[in-house]
N, C-alpha and C. Protein backbone atom coordinates (compact mmCIF):
# COMPACT_ATOMS: atom_id res chain seq x y z
N MET A 1 90.91 49.19 90.83
CA MET A 1 92.30 48.48 90.72
C MET A 1 93.38 49.51 90.75
N GLY A 2 93.61 50.15 89.67
CA GLY A 2 94.65 51.14 89.52
C GLY A 2 95.85 50.37 89.16
N MET A 3 97.01 51.24 88.85
CA MET A 3 98.16 50.81 88.59
C MET A 3 99.07 50.59 89.73
N PRO A 4 99.66 49.35 89.61
CA PRO A 4 100.75 49.16 90.94
C PRO A 4 101.85 50.12 90.90
N MET A 5 102.41 50.68 92.00
CA MET A 5 103.33 51.36 92.41
C MET A 5 104.41 50.66 92.17
N GLU A 6 105.61 51.15 91.39
CA GLU A 6 106.98 50.41 91.34
C GLU A 6 107.92 51.60 92.01
N LEU A 7 108.69 50.86 92.90
CA LEU A 7 109.92 51.61 93.44
C LEU A 7 111.15 51.35 92.77
N ASN A 8 111.52 52.60 92.21
CA ASN A 8 112.91 52.64 91.56
C ASN A 8 114.04 53.26 92.39
N THR A 9 115.14 52.53 92.47
CA THR A 9 116.39 52.75 93.16
C THR A 9 117.52 53.40 92.48
N MET A 10 117.21 53.53 91.06
CA MET A 10 118.15 54.15 90.10
C MET A 10 117.47 54.65 88.92
N ILE A 11 118.11 55.44 88.25
CA ILE A 11 117.44 56.12 87.06
C ILE A 11 117.96 55.21 85.85
N VAL A 12 117.03 54.63 85.09
CA VAL A 12 117.51 53.87 83.89
C VAL A 12 116.89 54.60 82.78
N THR A 13 117.68 55.16 81.81
CA THR A 13 117.41 56.21 80.91
C THR A 13 116.82 55.71 79.78
N LYS A 14 117.49 54.44 79.13
CA LYS A 14 117.24 53.77 77.78
C LYS A 14 117.41 54.84 76.76
N GLY A 15 118.30 55.87 77.03
CA GLY A 15 118.60 56.96 76.01
C GLY A 15 117.47 57.88 75.78
N ASN A 16 116.31 57.89 76.58
CA ASN A 16 115.16 58.68 76.60
C ASN A 16 115.19 60.10 77.38
N GLU A 17 116.21 60.28 77.82
CA GLU A 17 116.20 61.53 78.72
C GLU A 17 116.35 62.67 77.78
N VAL A 18 115.98 64.07 78.31
CA VAL A 18 115.75 65.11 77.70
C VAL A 18 116.41 66.23 78.53
N ARG A 19 117.55 66.86 77.84
CA ARG A 19 118.35 67.76 78.35
C ARG A 19 117.36 69.35 78.60
N GLU A 20 117.26 69.43 79.91
CA GLU A 20 116.56 70.71 80.14
C GLU A 20 117.55 71.96 80.25
N GLN A 21 118.55 71.82 80.91
CA GLN A 21 119.66 72.74 81.15
C GLN A 21 121.02 72.13 80.99
N GLU A 22 122.03 72.77 81.51
CA GLU A 22 123.27 72.03 81.42
C GLU A 22 123.47 70.64 81.89
N ASN A 23 123.16 70.67 83.05
CA ASN A 23 123.28 69.41 83.74
C ASN A 23 121.92 68.88 84.45
N VAL A 24 120.79 69.35 83.86
CA VAL A 24 119.39 68.92 84.36
C VAL A 24 118.68 68.40 83.28
N PHE A 25 118.00 67.14 83.53
CA PHE A 25 117.53 66.30 82.50
C PHE A 25 116.18 66.14 83.01
N SER A 26 115.16 65.57 81.96
CA SER A 26 113.81 65.02 82.34
C SER A 26 113.74 63.83 81.70
N LEU A 27 112.97 62.85 82.54
CA LEU A 27 112.91 61.41 81.78
C LEU A 27 111.46 61.10 82.23
N THR A 28 110.69 60.57 81.13
CA THR A 28 109.42 60.14 81.30
C THR A 28 109.20 58.59 81.00
N LYS A 29 108.69 58.02 82.09
CA LYS A 29 108.54 56.40 82.05
C LYS A 29 107.20 55.95 82.17
N ALA A 30 106.81 54.81 81.51
CA ALA A 30 105.37 54.39 81.75
C ALA A 30 105.07 53.84 83.21
N GLY A 31 103.91 54.06 83.62
CA GLY A 31 103.51 53.65 85.00
C GLY A 31 103.87 54.80 85.99
N TYR A 32 103.34 54.46 87.11
CA TYR A 32 103.59 55.31 88.24
C TYR A 32 104.86 54.56 89.04
N ARG A 33 105.78 55.40 89.39
CA ARG A 33 106.98 54.94 89.91
C ARG A 33 107.46 55.96 91.05
N LEU A 34 107.79 55.28 92.07
CA LEU A 34 108.43 56.10 93.35
C LEU A 34 109.89 56.22 93.14
N TYR A 35 110.61 57.40 93.33
CA TYR A 35 111.96 57.42 93.29
C TYR A 35 112.35 58.26 94.60
N PRO A 36 113.52 57.96 95.18
CA PRO A 36 114.01 58.79 96.17
C PRO A 36 114.32 60.12 95.63
N ILE A 37 113.99 61.17 96.40
CA ILE A 37 114.37 62.56 95.96
C ILE A 37 115.38 63.19 97.09
N ASP A 38 116.24 64.05 96.35
CA ASP A 38 117.22 64.73 97.22
C ASP A 38 118.43 63.75 97.64
N ILE A 39 118.65 62.58 97.16
CA ILE A 39 119.80 61.78 97.57
C ILE A 39 120.35 61.22 96.42
N PRO A 40 121.58 61.30 96.22
CA PRO A 40 122.34 60.89 95.06
C PRO A 40 122.02 59.43 94.68
N ILE A 41 121.57 59.03 93.42
CA ILE A 41 121.37 57.85 92.93
C ILE A 41 122.06 57.44 91.57
N ASP A 42 122.06 56.35 91.30
CA ASP A 42 122.99 55.81 90.01
C ASP A 42 122.00 56.14 88.95
N VAL A 43 122.81 56.67 87.61
CA VAL A 43 122.02 56.72 86.54
C VAL A 43 122.68 55.74 85.55
N ARG A 44 121.76 54.92 84.95
CA ARG A 44 122.42 53.99 83.90
C ARG A 44 121.62 54.10 82.66
N LYS A 45 122.15 53.72 81.57
CA LYS A 45 121.21 53.51 80.35
C LYS A 45 120.49 52.37 80.37
N THR A 46 120.80 51.11 80.87
CA THR A 46 120.10 50.18 80.78
C THR A 46 120.16 49.47 82.26
N ILE A 47 119.31 48.59 82.78
CA ILE A 47 119.59 48.01 84.14
C ILE A 47 120.88 47.08 84.12
N GLN A 48 121.27 46.58 82.96
CA GLN A 48 122.52 45.83 83.21
C GLN A 48 123.75 46.63 82.89
N SER A 49 123.65 47.87 82.53
CA SER A 49 124.86 48.65 81.90
C SER A 49 125.55 48.96 83.27
N ASP A 50 126.73 49.57 83.23
CA ASP A 50 127.65 50.16 84.25
C ASP A 50 126.95 51.40 84.38
N SER A 51 127.06 51.95 85.66
CA SER A 51 126.50 53.23 85.98
C SER A 51 127.35 54.43 85.04
N SER A 52 126.54 55.36 84.64
CA SER A 52 127.05 56.30 83.71
C SER A 52 127.26 57.78 84.66
N GLY A 53 126.80 57.60 85.73
CA GLY A 53 126.89 58.76 86.46
C GLY A 53 126.17 58.71 87.83
N THR A 54 125.99 59.89 88.52
CA THR A 54 125.17 60.18 89.65
C THR A 54 124.25 61.13 89.63
N ALA A 55 123.04 61.08 90.00
CA ALA A 55 122.28 62.34 89.90
C ALA A 55 121.24 62.57 91.16
N VAL A 56 120.67 63.71 91.26
CA VAL A 56 119.84 63.91 92.51
C VAL A 56 118.72 64.33 91.73
N ILE A 57 117.47 63.61 92.05
CA ILE A 57 116.20 63.83 91.63
C ILE A 57 115.61 65.01 92.25
N GLN A 58 115.06 66.03 91.55
CA GLN A 58 114.61 67.25 91.93
C GLN A 58 112.96 67.26 92.24
N LYS A 59 112.33 66.42 91.22
CA LYS A 59 110.98 66.49 90.92
C LYS A 59 110.30 65.27 90.45
N VAL A 60 109.42 64.71 90.89
CA VAL A 60 108.67 63.65 90.22
C VAL A 60 107.50 64.03 89.98
N GLU A 61 106.67 63.70 88.91
CA GLU A 61 105.37 64.02 88.52
C GLU A 61 104.52 62.86 87.94
N TRP A 62 103.40 62.63 88.61
CA TRP A 62 102.57 61.49 87.93
C TRP A 62 101.35 62.15 87.38
N THR A 63 101.30 61.59 85.79
CA THR A 63 100.15 62.30 85.15
C THR A 63 99.87 61.00 84.08
N ASN A 64 98.67 60.68 83.88
CA ASN A 64 98.17 59.83 82.75
C ASN A 64 99.01 58.57 82.79
N GLU A 65 99.10 57.98 83.88
CA GLU A 65 99.84 56.46 84.02
C GLU A 65 101.15 56.71 83.66
N LYS A 66 101.73 57.82 83.78
CA LYS A 66 103.14 57.97 83.39
C LYS A 66 103.96 58.65 84.73
N THR A 67 105.17 58.66 84.68
CA THR A 67 106.13 59.18 85.75
C THR A 67 107.12 60.03 84.86
N THR A 68 107.18 61.49 85.27
CA THR A 68 108.23 62.18 84.72
C THR A 68 109.09 62.72 85.90
N ILE A 69 110.35 62.34 85.82
CA ILE A 69 111.49 62.76 86.89
C ILE A 69 112.05 63.96 86.16
N THR A 70 112.47 65.06 86.91
CA THR A 70 113.40 65.92 86.73
C THR A 70 114.69 65.65 87.62
N TYR A 71 115.83 65.64 86.95
CA TYR A 71 116.99 65.13 87.93
C TYR A 71 118.11 65.98 87.39
N GLN A 72 119.26 66.27 88.30
CA GLN A 72 120.46 66.85 87.96
C GLN A 72 121.54 66.01 88.17
N LEU A 73 122.31 65.92 87.12
CA LEU A 73 123.55 65.14 87.08
C LEU A 73 124.68 65.80 87.98
N ILE A 74 125.13 65.09 89.08
CA ILE A 74 126.08 65.61 89.86
C ILE A 74 127.49 65.09 89.58
N SER A 75 127.53 63.78 88.92
CA SER A 75 128.90 63.35 88.55
C SER A 75 128.70 62.38 87.44
N LEU A 76 129.70 62.45 86.60
CA LEU A 76 129.65 61.68 85.27
C LEU A 76 130.87 60.61 85.14
N ASN A 77 130.44 59.43 84.88
CA ASN A 77 131.41 58.22 84.76
C ASN A 77 132.06 58.46 83.60
N SER A 78 133.11 58.47 83.17
CA SER A 78 133.77 58.58 81.83
C SER A 78 133.51 57.00 81.37
N THR A 79 133.13 57.00 80.15
CA THR A 79 132.90 55.77 79.30
C THR A 79 134.09 55.58 78.42
N ASN A 80 134.98 54.61 78.74
CA ASN A 80 136.14 54.33 78.10
C ASN A 80 135.72 53.23 77.06
């Protein structure tokens, strides 16, 4: 059977992102997920929240029923 693939069109962090460099982050999610690479997509803390910025995903890794993405934040929306 295997795990179903999920297509994600935004990055939803739930506050679990890890800063790798100044504007580069990694995020690990349960399950196998497909993400668009090399195009700007929305970053949100939750699915319902407003966009917190825009990022470009540089790398997607699938291991042990988890997906880890590495992404570069290219713009940040101010949270007033």
